[in-house]
């Protein structure tokens, strides 16, 4: 489960209207589908390096996997990694 602040940022960026505090959940499959909907492919990694054990990272690919964008986030859950990647992609698109 992602943080309330991150869920609110996603909902605002995606144009969702939310009512209650409980209406802020984003399942992993929904986050990954949003990344794919924007024309990107993804690969989620569980980081096994000693200093980051248990963290997740995500690689985002554009087109034929030649352009790779690694999000610079080390997160404790796969949902957080996907949410951070999606927010980052949406921020890049707005530039």
Protein backbone atom coordinates (compact mmCIF):
# COMPACT_ATOMS: atom_id res chain seq x y z
CA UNK A 1 0.00 0.00 0.00
CA UNK A 2 1.34 3.43 -0.91
CA UNK A 3 1.28 6.45 1.37
CA UNK A 4 -1.75 8.72 1.52
CA UNK A 5 0.27 11.66 0.18
CA UNK A 6 1.52 9.63 -2.79
CA UNK A 7 -1.99 8.33 -3.49
CA UNK A 8 -3.35 11.86 -3.47
CA UNK A 9 -0.60 13.01 -5.85
CA UNK A 10 -1.42 10.14 -8.21
CA UNK A 11 -5.14 10.81 -8.11
CA UNK A 12 -4.57 14.51 -8.82
CA UNK A 13 -2.13 13.77 -11.65
CA UNK A 14 -4.45 11.18 -13.19
CA UNK A 15 -7.49 13.43 -12.86
CA UNK A 16 -9.32 11.16 -10.43
CA UNK A 17 -11.76 12.58 -7.95
CA UNK A 18 -11.61 11.01 -4.54
CA UNK A 19 -13.97 11.33 -1.66
CA UNK A 20 -12.94 9.58 1.48
CA UNK A 21 -9.48 8.89 2.88
CA UNK A 22 -10.12 5.19 2.25
CA UNK A 23 -10.52 5.84 -1.47
CA UNK A 24 -6.78 6.14 -2.01
CA UNK A 25 -5.63 2.61 -2.77
CA UNK A 26 -3.77 1.74 -5.95
CA UNK A 27 -3.20 -1.98 -6.54
CA UNK A 28 0.09 -2.90 -8.22
CA UNK A 29 -1.64 -4.14 -11.39
CA UNK A 30 -3.44 -0.80 -11.79
CA UNK A 31 -0.21 1.18 -11.40
CA UNK A 32 1.60 -1.01 -13.93
CA UNK A 33 -1.34 -0.75 -16.36
CA UNK A 34 -1.12 3.07 -16.13
CA UNK A 35 2.57 2.88 -17.04
CA UNK A 36 1.77 0.63 -20.01
CA UNK A 37 -1.09 2.90 -21.10
CA UNK A 38 1.49 5.65 -21.58
CA UNK A 39 3.45 3.48 -24.02
CA UNK A 40 6.11 2.19 -21.63
CA UNK A 41 7.13 -1.30 -20.62
CA UNK A 42 8.43 -2.06 -17.14
CA UNK A 43 10.50 -4.55 -15.22
CA UNK A 44 10.29 -4.68 -11.44
CA UNK A 45 13.34 -5.79 -9.47
CA UNK A 46 13.77 -6.87 -5.89
CA UNK A 47 17.12 -5.36 -5.03
CA UNK A 48 19.47 -7.95 -3.58
CA UNK A 49 22.50 -5.73 -3.12
CA UNK A 50 23.69 -5.94 0.45
CA UNK A 51 23.12 -2.29 1.32
CA UNK A 52 19.59 -2.19 -0.13
CA UNK A 53 18.32 -5.68 0.62
CA UNK A 54 14.55 -5.89 0.54
CA UNK A 55 14.03 -2.79 -1.56
CA UNK A 56 12.36 -2.64 -4.95
CA UNK A 57 13.42 -0.80 -8.08
CA UNK A 58 11.74 -0.50 -11.44
CA UNK A 59 13.11 -0.09 -14.95
CA UNK A 60 10.93 1.71 -17.48
CA UNK A 61 11.42 1.02 -21.17
CA UNK A 62 10.21 3.14 -24.05
CA UNK A 63 9.49 1.53 -27.40
CA UNK A 64 11.66 -1.47 -28.21
CA UNK A 65 13.46 -1.53 -24.86
CA UNK A 66 16.37 0.49 -26.24
CA UNK A 67 15.65 3.54 -24.10
CA UNK A 68 15.76 2.60 -20.45
CA UNK A 69 14.66 4.86 -17.63
CA UNK A 70 15.53 3.61 -14.17
CA UNK A 71 13.62 5.45 -11.52
CA UNK A 72 15.99 6.69 -8.84
CA UNK A 73 13.92 5.31 -6.00
CA UNK A 74 14.58 2.57 -3.50
CA UNK A 75 11.23 1.55 -2.06
CA UNK A 76 10.04 -1.00 0.47
CA UNK A 77 7.10 -2.21 -1.62
CA UNK A 78 6.56 -2.92 -5.33
CA UNK A 79 3.52 -0.61 -5.25
CA UNK A 80 5.70 2.28 -4.09
CA UNK A 81 8.22 1.60 -6.87
CA UNK A 82 5.47 1.59 -9.51
CA UNK A 83 3.82 4.70 -8.04
CA UNK A 84 7.12 6.58 -7.98
CA UNK A 85 7.84 5.54 -11.56
CA UNK A 86 4.40 6.64 -12.73
CA UNK A 87 4.67 10.00 -11.00
CA UNK A 88 8.14 10.47 -12.48
CA UNK A 89 6.91 9.62 -16.00
CA UNK A 90 3.97 11.99 -15.68
CA UNK A 91 6.33 14.73 -14.47
CA UNK A 92 8.60 14.13 -17.48
CA UNK A 93 5.64 14.34 -19.83
CA UNK A 94 4.67 17.71 -18.33
CA UNK A 95 8.08 19.28 -19.06
